[in-house]
């Protein structure tokens, strides 16, 4: 997959980032999300924090959110796996009843 450079703005800084072809909109959306969170953070309790401190806190919050989503997905996967196993058992029982009848 070819890569090219995309210019984004994060924390009022212009950055050139290597980006795989076809992923430009996702990169721009990610930069927009970072800026939105920085803006929200600036309006909260600690408006005097440095940009670097805000970026670190935002990174920690994003990592926490990611971990939560992964945990939720794993729980959902386990629930789905249980349902699939129950369906398989039910189908096998129905097939066995049909064979023995």
N, C-alpha and C. Protein backbone atom coordinates (compact mmCIF):
# COMPACT_ATOMS: atom_id res chain seq x y z
N UNK A 1 0.86 -1.17 0.00
CA UNK A 1 0.00 0.00 0.00
C UNK A 1 0.90 1.23 0.00
N UNK A 2 0.66 2.16 -0.91
CA UNK A 2 1.49 3.34 -1.00
C UNK A 2 1.13 4.34 0.08
N UNK A 3 2.13 5.12 0.46
CA UNK A 3 1.92 6.15 1.47
C UNK A 3 2.25 7.50 0.87
N UNK A 4 1.58 8.50 1.40
CA UNK A 4 1.92 9.86 1.03
C UNK A 4 1.76 10.74 2.26
N UNK A 5 2.13 11.98 2.14
CA UNK A 5 2.11 12.89 3.27
C UNK A 5 0.81 13.67 3.30
N UNK A 6 0.23 13.73 4.50
CA UNK A 6 -0.99 14.51 4.72
C UNK A 6 -0.67 15.56 5.77
N UNK A 7 -1.12 16.77 5.55
CA UNK A 7 -0.91 17.84 6.53
C UNK A 7 -2.14 17.94 7.42
N UNK A 8 -1.90 17.88 8.73
CA UNK A 8 -2.97 18.01 9.71
C UNK A 8 -2.62 19.13 10.67
N UNK A 9 -3.62 19.62 11.37
CA UNK A 9 -3.41 20.61 12.42
C UNK A 9 -3.83 20.00 13.74
N UNK A 10 -2.90 19.97 14.70
CA UNK A 10 -3.18 19.47 16.04
C UNK A 10 -2.60 20.46 17.03
N UNK A 11 -3.44 20.91 17.94
CA UNK A 11 -3.02 21.86 18.98
C UNK A 11 -2.38 23.10 18.35
N UNK A 12 -3.00 23.59 17.29
CA UNK A 12 -2.53 24.78 16.58
C UNK A 12 -1.14 24.60 15.98
N UNK A 13 -0.76 23.37 15.75
CA UNK A 13 0.52 23.09 15.10
C UNK A 13 0.23 22.32 13.81
N UNK A 14 0.91 22.74 12.78
CA UNK A 14 0.76 22.10 11.48
C UNK A 14 1.75 20.95 11.39
N UNK A 15 1.24 19.75 11.13
CA UNK A 15 2.10 18.57 11.10
C UNK A 15 1.92 17.84 9.77
N UNK A 16 3.03 17.34 9.24
CA UNK A 16 2.97 16.50 8.04
C UNK A 16 3.15 15.07 8.51
N UNK A 17 2.18 14.22 8.14
CA UNK A 17 2.16 12.85 8.63
C UNK A 17 2.08 11.89 7.45
N UNK A 18 2.91 10.83 7.49
CA UNK A 18 2.81 9.78 6.47
C UNK A 18 1.51 9.03 6.68
N UNK A 19 0.81 8.79 5.59
CA UNK A 19 -0.52 8.17 5.69
C UNK A 19 -0.71 7.20 4.53
N UNK A 20 -1.16 5.96 4.85
CA UNK A 20 -1.44 5.03 3.75
C UNK A 20 -2.56 5.57 2.86
N UNK A 21 -2.46 5.30 1.59
CA UNK A 21 -3.49 5.73 0.64
C UNK A 21 -4.84 5.18 1.08
N UNK A 22 -5.85 6.03 1.02
CA UNK A 22 -7.20 5.62 1.40
C UNK A 22 -7.53 5.84 2.86
N UNK A 23 -6.55 6.24 3.66
CA UNK A 23 -6.78 6.45 5.09
C UNK A 23 -6.75 7.93 5.48
N UNK A 24 -6.75 8.79 4.50
CA UNK A 24 -6.64 10.22 4.77
C UNK A 24 -7.80 10.73 5.62
N UNK A 25 -9.01 10.34 5.28
CA UNK A 25 -10.16 10.86 6.02
C UNK A 25 -10.14 10.39 7.47
N UNK A 26 -9.68 9.17 7.72
CA UNK A 26 -9.58 8.68 9.10
C UNK A 26 -8.54 9.48 9.88
N UNK A 27 -7.44 9.81 9.23
CA UNK A 27 -6.40 10.62 9.88
C UNK A 27 -6.92 12.01 10.20
N UNK A 28 -7.61 12.62 9.25
CA UNK A 28 -8.17 13.95 9.48
C UNK A 28 -9.23 13.92 10.59
N UNK A 29 -10.02 12.87 10.63
CA UNK A 29 -11.02 12.71 11.68
C UNK A 29 -10.35 12.56 13.05
N UNK A 30 -9.26 11.79 13.10
CA UNK A 30 -8.52 11.62 14.35
C UNK A 30 -7.95 12.96 14.83
N UNK A 31 -7.39 13.73 13.92
CA UNK A 31 -6.85 15.05 14.29
C UNK A 31 -7.97 15.95 14.79
N UNK A 32 -9.11 15.89 14.15
CA UNK A 32 -10.26 16.68 14.58
C UNK A 32 -10.71 16.28 15.98
N UNK A 33 -10.73 14.98 16.26
CA UNK A 33 -11.12 14.49 17.59
C UNK A 33 -10.14 14.98 18.65
N UNK A 34 -8.86 14.94 18.34
CA UNK A 34 -7.85 15.43 19.29
C UNK A 34 -8.09 16.90 19.58
N UNK A 35 -8.29 17.70 18.54
CA UNK A 35 -8.52 19.13 18.74
C UNK A 35 -9.79 19.39 19.54
N UNK A 36 -10.84 18.62 19.27
CA UNK A 36 -12.09 18.77 20.00
C UNK A 36 -11.87 18.48 21.48
N UNK A 37 -11.16 17.40 21.78
CA UNK A 37 -10.91 17.05 23.19
C UNK A 37 -10.01 18.07 23.87
N UNK A 38 -9.04 18.59 23.16
CA UNK A 38 -8.18 19.63 23.74
C UNK A 38 -9.00 20.88 24.06
N UNK A 39 -9.89 21.23 23.16
CA UNK A 39 -10.75 22.40 23.36
C UNK A 39 -11.67 22.19 24.57
N UNK A 40 -12.24 21.00 24.68
CA UNK A 40 -13.10 20.70 25.83
C UNK A 40 -12.31 20.75 27.13
N UNK A 41 -11.09 20.22 27.10
CA UNK A 41 -10.24 20.21 28.29
C UNK A 41 -9.88 21.63 28.70
N UNK A 42 -9.65 22.49 27.72
CA UNK A 42 -9.27 23.87 28.02
C UNK A 42 -10.39 24.61 28.74
N UNK A 43 -11.63 24.21 28.49
CA UNK A 43 -12.78 24.87 29.11
C UNK A 43 -13.10 24.30 30.49
N UNK A 44 -12.45 23.20 30.85
CA UNK A 44 -12.76 22.56 32.12
C UNK A 44 -11.95 23.16 33.26
N UNK A 45 -11.65 22.33 34.24
CA UNK A 45 -11.04 22.77 35.49
C UNK A 45 -9.66 23.39 35.35
N UNK A 46 -8.87 22.91 34.41
CA UNK A 46 -7.47 23.30 34.37
C UNK A 46 -7.11 24.04 33.08
N UNK A 47 -7.69 25.20 32.87
CA UNK A 47 -7.40 25.91 31.62
C UNK A 47 -5.96 26.40 31.52
N UNK A 48 -5.21 26.38 32.62
CA UNK A 48 -3.84 26.88 32.58
C UNK A 48 -2.83 25.77 32.29
N UNK A 49 -3.29 24.53 32.13
CA UNK A 49 -2.36 23.45 31.80
C UNK A 49 -1.67 23.75 30.48
N UNK A 50 -0.46 23.24 30.36
CA UNK A 50 0.24 23.40 29.09
C UNK A 50 -0.39 22.46 28.06
N UNK A 51 -0.12 22.74 26.81
CA UNK A 51 -0.62 21.89 25.73
C UNK A 51 -0.07 20.47 25.90
N UNK A 52 1.19 20.37 26.30
CA UNK A 52 1.80 19.06 26.49
C UNK A 52 1.09 18.27 27.59
N UNK A 53 0.76 18.94 28.70
CA UNK A 53 0.04 18.27 29.78
C UNK A 53 -1.35 17.84 29.31
N UNK A 54 -2.00 18.69 28.56
CA UNK A 54 -3.32 18.35 28.04
C UNK A 54 -3.24 17.16 27.09
N UNK A 55 -2.21 17.13 26.25
CA UNK A 55 -2.04 16.01 25.32
C UNK A 55 -1.78 14.70 26.06
N UNK A 56 -0.98 14.76 27.13
CA UNK A 56 -0.72 13.56 27.92
C UNK A 56 -2.00 13.06 28.56
N UNK A 57 -2.76 13.96 29.18
CA UNK A 57 -4.01 13.57 29.83
C UNK A 57 -5.00 13.02 28.81
N UNK A 58 -5.08 13.67 27.66
CA UNK A 58 -5.98 13.20 26.62
C UNK A 58 -5.56 11.83 26.12
N UNK A 59 -4.26 11.61 25.98
CA UNK A 59 -3.76 10.30 25.55
C UNK A 59 -4.13 9.22 26.55
N UNK A 60 -3.99 9.54 27.84
CA UNK A 60 -4.37 8.58 28.88
C UNK A 60 -5.87 8.29 28.82
N UNK A 61 -6.67 9.32 28.64
CA UNK A 61 -8.12 9.13 28.54
C UNK A 61 -8.50 8.29 27.32
N UNK A 62 -7.85 8.57 26.19
CA UNK A 62 -8.12 7.78 24.98
C UNK A 62 -7.71 6.33 25.17
N UNK A 63 -6.56 6.11 25.82
CA UNK A 63 -6.11 4.74 26.08
C UNK A 63 -7.11 4.02 26.99
N UNK A 64 -7.60 4.73 28.00
CA UNK A 64 -8.60 4.15 28.90
C UNK A 64 -9.87 3.80 28.13
N UNK A 65 -10.32 4.71 27.28
CA UNK A 65 -11.52 4.45 26.46
C UNK A 65 -11.31 3.22 25.57
N UNK A 66 -10.13 3.12 24.98
CA UNK A 66 -9.81 2.00 24.10
C UNK A 66 -9.85 0.68 24.88
N UNK A 67 -9.27 0.68 26.07
CA UNK A 67 -9.27 -0.53 26.91
C UNK A 67 -10.70 -0.92 27.26
N UNK A 68 -11.52 0.07 27.60
CA UNK A 68 -12.92 -0.22 27.93
C UNK A 68 -13.66 -0.83 26.74
N UNK A 69 -13.46 -0.26 25.57
CA UNK A 69 -14.13 -0.77 24.37
C UNK A 69 -13.66 -2.20 24.08
N UNK A 70 -12.37 -2.45 24.22
CA UNK A 70 -11.86 -3.81 23.99
C UNK A 70 -12.47 -4.80 24.98
N UNK A 71 -12.57 -4.39 26.24
CA UNK A 71 -13.18 -5.26 27.25
C UNK A 71 -14.64 -5.53 26.93
N UNK A 72 -15.36 -4.49 26.53
CA UNK A 72 -16.77 -4.65 26.16
C UNK A 72 -16.92 -5.58 24.96
N UNK A 73 -16.04 -5.42 23.98
CA UNK A 73 -16.09 -6.28 22.79
C UNK A 73 -15.80 -7.74 23.16
N UNK A 74 -14.86 -7.95 24.07
CA UNK A 74 -14.53 -9.30 24.50
C UNK A 74 -15.72 -9.93 25.23
N UNK A 75 -16.37 -9.15 26.09
CA UNK A 75 -17.55 -9.66 26.78
C UNK A 75 -18.66 -9.99 25.78
N UNK A 76 -18.84 -9.14 24.80
CA UNK A 76 -19.86 -9.39 23.78
C UNK A 76 -19.50 -10.62 22.95
N UNK A 77 -18.23 -10.78 22.63
CA UNK A 77 -17.78 -11.96 21.89
C UNK A 77 -18.07 -13.23 22.69
N UNK A 78 -17.81 -13.18 24.00
CA UNK A 78 -18.09 -14.34 24.85
C UNK A 78 -19.59 -14.64 24.91
N UNK A 79 -20.41 -13.59 24.99
CA UNK A 79 -21.87 -13.79 24.99
C UNK A 79 -22.33 -14.42 23.68
N UNK A 80 -21.80 -13.92 22.59
CA UNK A 80 -22.17 -14.46 21.27
C UNK A 80 -21.71 -15.91 21.14
N UNK A 81 -20.51 -16.20 21.63
CA UNK A 81 -20.00 -17.57 21.56
C UNK A 81 -20.90 -18.51 22.36
N UNK A 82 -21.36 -18.08 23.52
CA UNK A 82 -22.29 -18.90 24.33
C UNK A 82 -23.59 -19.14 23.58
N UNK A 83 -24.11 -18.11 22.93
CA UNK A 83 -25.35 -18.27 22.16
C UNK A 83 -25.15 -19.23 21.00
N UNK A 84 -24.02 -19.12 20.33
CA UNK A 84 -23.73 -20.02 19.20
C UNK A 84 -23.66 -21.46 19.69
N UNK A 85 -22.98 -21.66 20.82
CA UNK A 85 -22.87 -23.02 21.36
C UNK A 85 -24.24 -23.57 21.74
N UNK A 86 -25.10 -22.73 22.32
CA UNK A 86 -26.45 -23.16 22.67
C UNK A 86 -27.24 -23.53 21.42
N UNK A 87 -27.12 -22.70 20.38
CA UNK A 87 -27.81 -23.00 19.12
C UNK A 87 -27.30 -24.31 18.51
N UNK A 88 -25.99 -24.51 18.54
CA UNK A 88 -25.43 -25.75 18.00
C UNK A 88 -25.97 -26.96 18.76
N UNK A 89 -26.02 -26.86 20.08
CA UNK A 89 -26.54 -27.95 20.89
C UNK A 89 -28.00 -28.21 20.57
N UNK A 90 -28.79 -27.16 20.46
CA UNK A 90 -30.22 -27.29 20.14
C UNK A 90 -30.41 -27.94 18.78
N UNK A 91 -29.64 -27.53 17.80
CA UNK A 91 -29.73 -28.10 16.45
C UNK A 91 -29.34 -29.58 16.48
N UNK A 92 -28.23 -29.89 17.17
CA UNK A 92 -27.80 -31.29 17.25
C UNK A 92 -28.86 -32.15 17.92
N UNK A 93 -29.49 -31.65 18.97
CA UNK A 93 -30.54 -32.41 19.65
C UNK A 93 -31.73 -32.62 18.72
N UNK A 94 -32.10 -31.60 17.97
CA UNK A 94 -33.23 -31.72 17.04
C UNK A 94 -32.91 -32.73 15.94
N UNK A 95 -31.69 -32.69 15.43
CA UNK A 95 -31.28 -33.63 14.38
C UNK A 95 -31.29 -35.05 14.93
N UNK A 96 -30.76 -35.23 16.14
CA UNK A 96 -30.72 -36.56 16.75
C UNK A 96 -32.13 -37.11 17.00
N UNK A 97 -33.05 -36.24 17.43
CA UNK A 97 -34.44 -36.67 17.64
C UNK A 97 -35.07 -37.10 16.32
N UNK A 98 -34.77 -36.37 15.27
CA UNK A 98 -35.32 -36.69 13.95
C UNK A 98 -34.78 -38.03 13.47
N UNK A 99 -33.49 -38.27 13.70
CA UNK A 99 -32.87 -39.53 13.26
C UNK A 99 -33.44 -40.72 14.02
N UNK A 100 -33.70 -40.54 15.31
CA UNK A 100 -34.18 -41.66 16.12
C UNK A 100 -35.68 -41.88 15.99
N UNK A 101 -36.38 -40.97 15.36
CA UNK A 101 -37.84 -41.11 15.23
C UNK A 101 -38.23 -41.95 14.05
